[in-house]
Amino acid sequence: MRENISKTIKSKVPYFYDLWSSQAHSLSFRNTRSDYLRSRIMMLSSVLAVLLILWIPFDILFLTSDQSIKITFARLFLSCFFFSLALKNHQYNSLTQIQFCITLFPISLNIFYLYCSVVLDFPDSNLNYGYIYTLLPIIHVAILTILPITFKESLSLLSITAITQICTDYYAGRLFAPEYLAIYWLQSVLALMVIWSQVSKLHMLMRLYRQAILDPLTGIYNRRMLLQLGKKNMLECELKGEPFSVLLFDIDKFKRINDTWGHSVGDKVLTGFTSFVQSKIRKTDLFGRYGGEEFVLFLPDCPPDTAIKISNRMLIAIRDLKLPINIDNQSLSITTCIGISTYSENDTLASMLERADLALYKCKHSGRDCSHFHPIDLHHENDERLKIAEKISIN
C-alpha cells in the first residue's frame, strides 16, 4: 500500500519508533536509506575482500601447512563472496533486498570464524598466533559501525555474532573462563558504542532528509519532492490503468491577511490550513506546498467526478474552518480556490498542473471561493490562456 508520507514524516524530530524500526518509515525515506546503505555495502564488501586476501601471507608464515591451506581456501572463498556481493549489490533497489545483504555480513563472517576455530582446534593461549582468530567477533561487531540502521536491525545483527561466539566458547569449554568473561565485557561495551553510532547516523540521515524534502514552515513536502513523488504516483496509476487527479489550492486574498495581521498570522493560517487538509485526505493521497499560499493534492485512483466531489466538500469545510491567530482570542475564516485536472492519455504531470492552474485562474475571476475542473481541450486551451491573460492585464 502506498503511504501518506507527508503525514508520516510531518514531525521535524524523529520519534523513538522511527529509530527502533523501519516499518514506520515512509516509502521515499526507505528508498533514500537503501541508496545510502547500498553505497556503504559496496565499499565495505570491497574493503573486506581485499583485507582477507592481504592476510593470507601471515597465515602461511605462522600456521602449519595443513592449517594455512584450509584457512587460505576459506579466505579466498569469502573474499570472492564479498567481491560478488559488491558487484551484485548495485542491482538491488528495495530496502528489503539491502537488509538481506547486510544480514549476509555477520552470517558469512561468523561462519568463517566458526570454521577457523574448528581448523585451529579452538585456540585459547594468547601467546599463540591462532589466538588472533578468537578476537574475530570483536572485528565483526566493529565493522557494523558505518551502517545507519535502526535499533531493531542492529540488535538482530549483533545477536548473530553473540550467539555464534557463545556456542563456540561453550563447545570449547571456556565459556566462563575469566579472560573470556573480560572479552565478553569488552564486546558488550563495544556493541553499545556501535548501536549508538548506528542510530546516531540514522538520526542524522533522517534530519538531513527532512530538511531536504519538507517545507520548513508547514512540515509537508516542498515543491521539489512533491513533483518528484507526484510524477512517480502518476506513472504507477498509468501502468495500473487507474485514474489520477490533481487539486491545486490557492488561499483567497492571502496577501491581505499578511498586510492586515502580519506575517506571523499568515504563517499560522498556512500551518492551520495544512493540518486541516491533512486530516481530510486518504493515506494514499499526496499533499504538499507548491509555493506561497498554493498547495497541491495528488489523488491516485480518483476519477474526475470524485475529484470534483472532494473539492466541493473541501470548500464547504474550509468555509466553516476557524483558525486561531493568538491575538485577543480571535480566529480567522478563510476561503480557497481549487483548480482540478485529471490524467488523460499521453498526459504529463506538468500538463496536468498547467490545466489545474488555468482552472484556478478561472476560479479567481469567477468570484473566488469555488472550484473548477479543466478537461483536456487542445483546440481551446491556448485561447483560454489568452483570455485569462487579457483579464489580468485589464485588472
Protein backbone atom coordinates (compact mmCIF):
# COMPACT_ATOMS: atom_id res chain seq x y z
CA MET A 1 0.00 0.00 0.00
CA ARG A 2 1.22 3.49 -0.81
CA GLU A 3 1.71 5.71 2.19
CA ASN A 4 0.63 9.22 3.01
CA ILE A 5 4.22 10.22 3.51
CA SER A 6 3.51 13.79 4.41
CA LYS A 7 1.61 12.56 7.48
CA THR A 8 4.25 10.05 8.43
CA ILE A 9 7.15 12.50 8.42
CA LYS A 10 5.29 15.59 9.49
CA SER A 11 7.25 15.87 12.70
CA LYS A 12 10.63 17.56 12.44
CA VAL A 13 12.04 15.46 15.31
CA PRO A 14 12.21 11.69 14.81
CA TYR A 15 10.15 9.67 17.25
CA PHE A 16 11.76 6.78 19.09
CA TYR A 17 9.75 4.34 16.99
CA ASP A 18 11.36 5.76 13.84
CA LEU A 19 14.73 4.81 15.31
CA TRP A 20 13.52 1.46 16.63
CA SER A 21 12.08 0.02 13.42
CA SER A 22 11.89 0.88 9.72
CA GLN A 23 8.22 -0.11 9.50
CA ALA A 24 7.08 3.43 10.25
CA HIS A 25 9.42 4.96 7.68
CA SER A 26 7.91 6.47 4.57
CA LEU A 27 8.46 4.86 1.19
CA SER A 28 10.58 7.76 -0.03
CA PHE A 29 12.85 7.63 3.05
CA ARG A 30 13.19 3.86 2.69
CA ASN A 31 14.38 4.42 -0.87
CA THR A 32 16.78 7.14 0.26
CA ARG A 33 18.23 4.97 3.03
CA SER A 34 18.52 1.95 0.72
CA ASP A 35 20.58 4.06 -1.72
CA TYR A 36 22.83 5.22 1.11
CA LEU A 37 23.21 1.70 2.53
CA ARG A 38 23.92 0.31 -0.93
CA SER A 39 26.98 2.52 -1.32
CA ARG A 40 28.19 1.59 2.16
CA ILE A 41 27.77 -2.12 1.49
CA MET A 42 29.68 -1.90 -1.78
CA MET A 43 32.55 -0.10 -0.05
CA LEU A 44 32.59 -2.44 2.96
CA SER A 45 32.41 -5.57 0.79
CA SER A 46 35.30 -4.40 -1.38
CA VAL A 47 37.48 -3.48 1.61
CA LEU A 48 36.83 -6.79 3.40
CA ALA A 49 37.52 -8.76 0.21
CA VAL A 50 40.92 -7.09 -0.15
CA LEU A 51 41.85 -7.38 3.54
CA LEU A 52 41.03 -11.09 3.57
CA ILE A 53 43.49 -11.68 0.76
CA LEU A 54 46.20 -9.45 2.25
CA TRP A 55 46.18 -11.51 5.48
CA ILE A 56 46.98 -14.80 3.69
CA PRO A 57 50.82 -14.38 3.91
CA PHE A 58 50.60 -14.16 7.71
CA ASP A 59 48.67 -17.44 7.87
CA ILE A 60 51.23 -19.14 5.66
CA LEU A 61 54.05 -17.79 7.82
CA PHE A 62 52.70 -18.61 11.27
CA LEU A 63 50.33 -21.58 10.84
CA THR A 64 51.08 -25.15 9.98
CA SER A 65 50.89 -26.04 6.30
CA ASP A 66 47.69 -28.03 6.75
CA GLN A 67 46.00 -25.21 8.72
CA SER A 68 47.19 -22.46 6.38
CA ILE A 69 45.93 -24.29 3.28
CA LYS A 70 42.48 -24.83 4.76
CA ILE A 71 42.13 -21.28 6.05
CA THR A 72 43.58 -19.78 2.86
CA PHE A 73 40.92 -21.51 0.78
CA ALA A 74 38.28 -20.24 3.20
CA ARG A 75 39.67 -16.71 2.92
CA LEU A 76 39.69 -16.86 -0.87
CA PHE A 77 36.14 -18.18 -0.94
CA LEU A 78 34.94 -15.48 1.46
CA SER A 79 36.81 -12.81 -0.48
CA CYS A 80 35.14 -13.90 -3.74
CA PHE A 81 31.81 -13.82 -1.96
CA PHE A 82 32.34 -10.21 -0.84
CA PHE A 83 33.53 -9.17 -4.31
CA SER A 84 30.41 -10.70 -5.86
CA LEU A 85 28.26 -9.02 -3.21
CA ALA A 86 29.81 -5.65 -4.08
CA LEU A 87 29.21 -6.21 -7.80
CA LYS A 88 25.68 -7.56 -7.35
CA ASN A 89 24.60 -5.01 -4.79
CA HIS A 90 24.09 -2.17 -7.28
CA GLN A 91 21.19 -4.15 -8.82
CA TYR A 92 19.21 -4.14 -5.58
CA ASN A 93 16.68 -1.34 -5.18
CA SER A 94 14.36 -2.17 -2.31
CA LEU A 95 15.27 -1.75 1.35
CA THR A 96 14.34 -5.41 1.96
CA GLN A 97 17.00 -6.54 -0.51
CA ILE A 98 19.56 -4.22 1.07
CA GLN A 99 18.70 -5.51 4.55
CA PHE A 100 19.23 -9.06 3.30
CA CYS A 101 22.69 -8.09 2.02
CA ILE A 102 23.54 -6.52 5.38
CA THR A 103 22.47 -9.71 7.17
CA LEU A 104 24.87 -11.69 4.98
CA PHE A 105 27.82 -9.82 6.53
CA PRO A 106 27.64 -11.20 10.10
CA ILE A 107 26.42 -14.59 8.87
CA SER A 108 29.32 -15.10 6.45
CA LEU A 109 31.92 -13.67 8.83
CA ASN A 110 30.73 -15.83 11.72
CA ILE A 111 30.73 -18.94 9.56
CA PHE A 112 34.35 -18.11 8.74
CA TYR A 113 35.09 -17.59 12.45
CA LEU A 114 33.48 -20.90 13.36
CA TYR A 115 35.35 -22.72 10.58
CA CYS A 116 38.71 -21.24 11.64
CA SER A 117 38.05 -22.17 15.27
CA VAL A 118 37.50 -25.80 14.26
CA VAL A 119 40.57 -25.88 12.00
CA LEU A 120 42.75 -24.34 14.73
CA ASP A 121 41.21 -26.63 17.38
CA PHE A 122 39.74 -23.75 19.40
CA PRO A 123 42.97 -21.94 20.39
CA ASP A 124 42.94 -20.44 23.89
CA SER A 125 46.55 -19.46 24.51
CA ASN A 126 47.08 -15.76 23.97
CA LEU A 127 50.74 -16.45 23.12
CA ASN A 128 49.69 -18.50 20.10
CA TYR A 129 49.17 -16.89 16.67
CA GLY A 130 45.90 -18.78 16.34
CA TYR A 131 44.56 -16.88 19.34
CA ILE A 132 44.08 -13.88 17.00
CA TYR A 133 41.14 -15.73 15.47
CA THR A 134 39.32 -15.74 18.80
CA LEU A 135 39.17 -11.94 18.52
CA LEU A 136 37.33 -12.00 15.19
CA PRO A 137 33.90 -11.39 16.81
CA ILE A 138 35.18 -8.03 18.06
CA ILE A 139 36.00 -7.10 14.47
CA HIS A 140 32.61 -8.37 13.31
CA VAL A 141 30.93 -6.03 15.77
CA ALA A 142 33.14 -3.05 14.93
CA ILE A 143 32.64 -3.11 11.14
CA LEU A 144 28.89 -2.59 11.58
CA THR A 145 29.58 0.91 12.90
CA ILE A 146 29.42 2.52 9.45
CA LEU A 147 25.82 1.46 8.79
CA PRO A 148 22.89 3.81 9.61
CA ILE A 149 20.40 1.22 10.84
CA THR A 150 17.63 1.01 13.43
CA PHE A 151 17.83 -0.37 16.98
CA LYS A 152 15.96 -3.47 15.88
CA GLU A 153 18.23 -4.12 12.90
CA SER A 154 21.35 -3.50 14.98
CA LEU A 155 20.32 -5.88 17.76
CA SER A 156 19.45 -8.57 15.21
CA LEU A 157 22.84 -8.32 13.52
CA LEU A 158 24.79 -8.22 16.78
CA SER A 159 22.89 -11.22 18.12
CA ILE A 160 24.23 -13.35 15.24
CA THR A 161 27.80 -12.72 16.40
CA ALA A 162 26.92 -13.11 20.09
CA ILE A 163 25.16 -16.46 19.62
CA THR A 164 27.96 -17.83 17.42
CA GLN A 165 30.65 -16.82 19.91
CA ILE A 166 28.80 -18.18 22.94
CA CYS A 167 28.17 -21.51 21.20
CA THR A 168 31.82 -21.73 20.11
CA ASP A 169 33.16 -20.94 23.57
CA TYR A 170 30.72 -23.35 25.20
CA TYR A 171 31.83 -26.15 22.91
CA ALA A 172 35.49 -25.28 23.62
CA GLY A 173 34.80 -25.37 27.37
CA ARG A 174 35.90 -21.80 28.03
CA LEU A 175 32.58 -20.03 28.35
CA PHE A 176 33.15 -18.97 31.96
CA ALA A 177 36.92 -18.60 31.87
CA PRO A 178 37.97 -15.27 33.48
CA GLU A 179 39.86 -14.00 30.43
CA TYR A 180 36.87 -14.72 28.18
CA LEU A 181 34.47 -13.04 30.59
CA ALA A 182 36.67 -9.95 30.20
CA ILE A 183 36.37 -10.29 26.41
CA TYR A 184 32.58 -10.52 26.70
CA TRP A 185 32.55 -7.36 28.79
CA LEU A 186 34.72 -5.57 26.22
CA GLN A 187 32.48 -6.71 23.38
CA SER A 188 29.37 -5.59 25.26
CA VAL A 189 30.80 -2.09 25.70
CA LEU A 190 31.82 -2.07 22.03
CA ALA A 191 28.36 -3.26 20.99
CA LEU A 192 26.71 -0.39 22.89
CA MET A 193 29.04 2.07 21.18
CA VAL A 194 28.25 0.51 17.79
CA ILE A 195 24.50 0.74 18.40
CA TRP A 196 24.85 4.37 19.47
CA SER A 197 26.90 5.14 16.35
CA GLN A 198 24.47 3.38 14.01
CA VAL A 199 21.37 5.02 15.43
CA SER A 200 23.10 8.43 15.52
CA LYS A 201 23.88 8.07 11.82
CA LEU A 202 20.27 7.10 11.14
CA HIS A 203 19.04 10.08 13.19
CA MET A 204 21.29 12.44 11.23
CA LEU A 205 20.19 10.91 7.92
CA MET A 206 16.55 11.46 8.92
CA ARG A 207 17.18 15.09 9.79
CA LEU A 208 19.04 15.81 6.57
CA TYR A 209 16.35 14.01 4.59
CA ARG A 210 13.57 16.00 6.21
CA GLN A 211 15.38 19.29 5.70
CA ALA A 212 15.85 18.43 2.03
CA ILE A 213 12.28 17.40 1.21
CA LEU A 214 10.00 19.20 3.67
CA ASP A 215 8.68 22.72 3.72
CA PRO A 216 10.19 24.24 6.89
CA LEU A 217 7.01 26.08 7.89
CA THR A 218 4.23 23.54 7.30
CA GLY A 219 6.21 20.28 7.60
CA ILE A 220 4.72 18.87 4.39
CA TYR A 221 6.51 18.18 1.11
CA ASN A 222 8.26 21.04 -0.58
CA ARG A 223 7.78 21.69 -4.28
CA ARG A 224 10.77 19.63 -5.49
CA MET A 225 9.86 16.45 -3.61
CA LEU A 226 6.15 16.94 -4.22
CA LEU A 227 6.64 16.97 -8.00
CA GLN A 228 9.08 14.07 -7.86
CA LEU A 229 6.68 11.83 -5.92
CA GLY A 230 3.67 13.09 -7.86
CA LYS A 231 5.27 12.02 -11.13
CA LYS A 232 6.02 8.60 -9.68
CA ASN A 233 2.43 8.19 -8.45
CA MET A 234 1.05 9.28 -11.81
CA LEU A 235 3.18 6.72 -13.67
CA GLU A 236 2.07 3.99 -11.24
CA CYS A 237 -1.58 4.84 -11.90
CA GLU A 238 -0.91 4.87 -15.64
CA LEU A 239 0.60 1.38 -15.50
CA LYS A 240 -2.33 0.06 -13.43
CA GLY A 241 -4.92 1.79 -15.60
CA GLU A 242 -6.16 3.82 -12.62
CA PRO A 243 -7.35 7.45 -12.82
CA PHE A 244 -5.18 10.17 -11.32
CA SER A 245 -6.39 13.65 -10.37
CA VAL A 246 -4.80 16.90 -9.23
CA LEU A 247 -6.26 19.54 -6.92
CA LEU A 248 -4.45 22.88 -6.87
CA PHE A 249 -5.41 25.06 -3.86
CA ASP A 250 -4.93 28.80 -3.52
CA ILE A 251 -5.93 30.59 -0.29
CA ASP A 252 -8.06 33.57 -1.24
CA LYS A 253 -6.66 37.06 -0.59
CA PHE A 254 -3.76 35.73 1.44
CA LYS A 255 -1.73 38.89 0.81
CA ARG A 256 -4.45 40.90 2.55
CA ILE A 257 -4.10 38.65 5.61
CA ASN A 258 -0.37 39.35 5.74
CA ASP A 259 -0.86 43.07 5.24
CA THR A 260 -3.62 43.31 7.85
CA TRP A 261 -2.44 40.94 10.57
CA GLY A 262 1.25 40.48 9.83
CA HIS A 263 3.30 37.59 8.50
CA SER A 264 3.22 35.68 11.80
CA VAL A 265 -0.56 35.39 11.47
CA GLY A 266 -0.12 34.46 7.81
CA ASP A 267 2.16 31.63 8.91
CA LYS A 268 -0.49 30.41 11.38
CA VAL A 269 -3.05 30.40 8.56
CA LEU A 270 -0.76 28.32 6.36
CA THR A 271 0.00 25.79 9.11
CA GLY A 272 -3.65 25.62 10.17
CA PHE A 273 -4.79 25.10 6.59
CA THR A 274 -2.15 22.39 6.13
CA SER A 275 -3.22 20.50 9.25
CA PHE A 276 -6.86 20.71 8.20
CA VAL A 277 -6.29 19.30 4.71
CA GLN A 278 -4.09 16.52 6.06
CA SER A 279 -6.87 15.47 8.41
CA LYS A 280 -9.28 15.09 5.48
CA ILE A 281 -7.26 13.11 2.93
CA ARG A 282 -6.58 9.41 2.44
CA LYS A 283 -3.36 7.61 3.29
CA THR A 284 -2.69 7.11 -0.41
CA ASP A 285 -3.03 10.83 -1.25
CA LEU A 286 -0.02 13.11 -1.63
CA PHE A 287 -0.15 16.66 -0.26
CA GLY A 288 2.48 19.38 -0.43
CA ARG A 289 3.21 23.09 -0.66
CA TYR A 290 3.52 24.25 -4.25
CA GLY A 291 4.67 27.75 -3.38
CA GLY A 292 3.48 30.73 -1.31
CA GLU A 293 -0.18 30.14 -0.49
CA GLU A 294 -0.61 27.46 -3.16
CA PHE A 295 -0.86 23.77 -2.27
CA VAL A 296 -1.22 20.64 -4.40
CA LEU A 297 -3.11 17.46 -3.59
CA PHE A 298 -2.42 14.45 -5.82
CA LEU A 299 -5.24 11.90 -5.79
CA PRO A 300 -4.31 8.44 -7.12
CA ASP A 301 -7.17 6.16 -8.18
CA CYS A 302 -9.53 9.14 -8.29
CA PRO A 303 -11.73 9.79 -11.36
CA PRO A 304 -12.87 13.32 -12.35
CA ASP A 305 -16.33 13.14 -10.77
CA THR A 306 -14.87 12.01 -7.45
CA ALA A 307 -12.23 14.75 -7.58
CA ILE A 308 -14.97 17.34 -8.11
CA LYS A 309 -16.97 15.97 -5.17
CA ILE A 310 -13.87 16.04 -2.96
CA SER A 311 -13.15 19.66 -3.90
CA ASN A 312 -16.72 20.70 -3.17
CA ARG A 313 -16.59 19.03 0.25
CA MET A 314 -13.28 20.77 0.91
CA LEU A 315 -14.72 24.16 0.00
CA ILE A 316 -17.65 23.73 2.40
CA ALA A 317 -15.44 22.51 5.23
CA ILE A 318 -12.89 25.30 4.73
CA ARG A 319 -15.63 27.95 4.89
CA ASP A 320 -16.54 26.64 8.36
CA LEU A 321 -12.91 26.48 9.47
CA LYS A 322 -11.85 28.83 12.26
CA LEU A 323 -8.09 29.35 12.51
CA PRO A 324 -6.85 30.75 15.87
CA ILE A 325 -4.31 33.55 15.49
CA ASN A 326 -3.45 34.07 19.19
CA ILE A 327 -4.44 37.76 19.09
CA ASP A 328 -7.14 38.68 21.60
CA ASN A 329 -8.53 35.14 21.28
CA GLN A 330 -9.56 35.91 17.73
CA SER A 331 -9.77 33.45 14.84
CA LEU A 332 -9.79 33.90 11.09
CA SER A 333 -12.03 32.38 8.47
CA ILE A 334 -10.62 31.69 5.02
CA THR A 335 -11.79 30.51 1.62
CA THR A 336 -9.93 28.92 -1.25
CA CYS A 337 -9.98 28.42 -4.98
CA ILE A 338 -9.41 24.89 -6.26
CA GLY A 339 -8.28 24.03 -9.77
CA ILE A 340 -8.88 20.42 -10.84
CA SER A 341 -7.47 18.29 -13.62
CA THR A 342 -7.39 14.56 -14.33
CA TYR A 343 -4.92 12.39 -16.21
CA SER A 344 -5.64 11.59 -19.85
CA GLU A 345 -3.68 9.54 -22.37
CA ASN A 346 -0.20 10.93 -23.16
CA ASP A 347 -0.60 13.42 -20.32
CA THR A 348 2.33 14.59 -18.18
CA LEU A 349 2.42 15.90 -14.65
CA ALA A 350 3.42 19.31 -15.98
CA SER A 351 0.45 19.45 -18.37
CA MET A 352 -1.93 18.35 -15.59
CA LEU A 353 -0.62 21.07 -13.28
CA GLU A 354 -0.89 23.60 -16.08
CA ARG A 355 -4.56 22.75 -16.63
CA ALA A 356 -5.21 22.88 -12.90
CA ASP A 357 -3.52 26.29 -12.86
CA LEU A 358 -5.76 27.51 -15.69
CA ALA A 359 -8.79 26.22 -13.78
CA LEU A 360 -7.53 28.06 -10.71
CA TYR A 361 -7.30 31.35 -12.60
CA LYS A 362 -10.84 30.82 -13.82
CA CYS A 363 -11.95 30.41 -10.19
CA LYS A 364 -10.23 33.66 -9.23
CA HIS A 365 -12.03 35.54 -11.99
CA SER A 366 -15.36 33.95 -11.09
CA GLY A 367 -15.57 35.44 -7.61
CA ARG A 368 -13.21 33.05 -5.74
CA ASP A 369 -14.31 30.50 -3.10
CA CYS A 370 -15.11 27.95 -5.79
CA SER A 371 -13.62 25.09 -7.79
CA HIS A 372 -13.30 24.47 -11.48
CA PHE A 373 -12.45 21.35 -13.46
CA HIS A 374 -10.33 21.78 -16.57
CA PRO A 375 -10.68 18.94 -19.10
CA ILE A 376 -8.23 18.44 -21.96
CA ASP A 377 -9.22 20.64 -24.89
CA LEU A 378 -6.29 21.15 -27.19
CA HIS A 379 -8.19 23.43 -29.55
CA HIS A 380 -9.36 25.93 -26.95
CA GLU A 381 -6.66 25.72 -24.30
CA ASN A 382 -4.46 28.39 -25.89
CA ASP A 383 -7.48 30.66 -26.40
CA GLU A 384 -8.37 30.30 -22.72
CA ARG A 385 -4.86 31.27 -21.71
CA LEU A 386 -5.10 34.39 -23.85
CA LYS A 387 -8.47 35.33 -22.36
CA ILE A 388 -7.12 34.95 -18.83
CA ALA A 389 -4.04 36.97 -19.70
CA GLU A 390 -6.23 39.73 -21.14
CA LYS A 391 -8.36 39.83 -17.97
CA ILE A 392 -5.25 40.04 -15.81
CA SER A 393 -3.82 42.90 -17.88
CA ILE A 394 -7.15 44.80 -17.76
CA ASN A 395 -7.40 44.39 -14.00
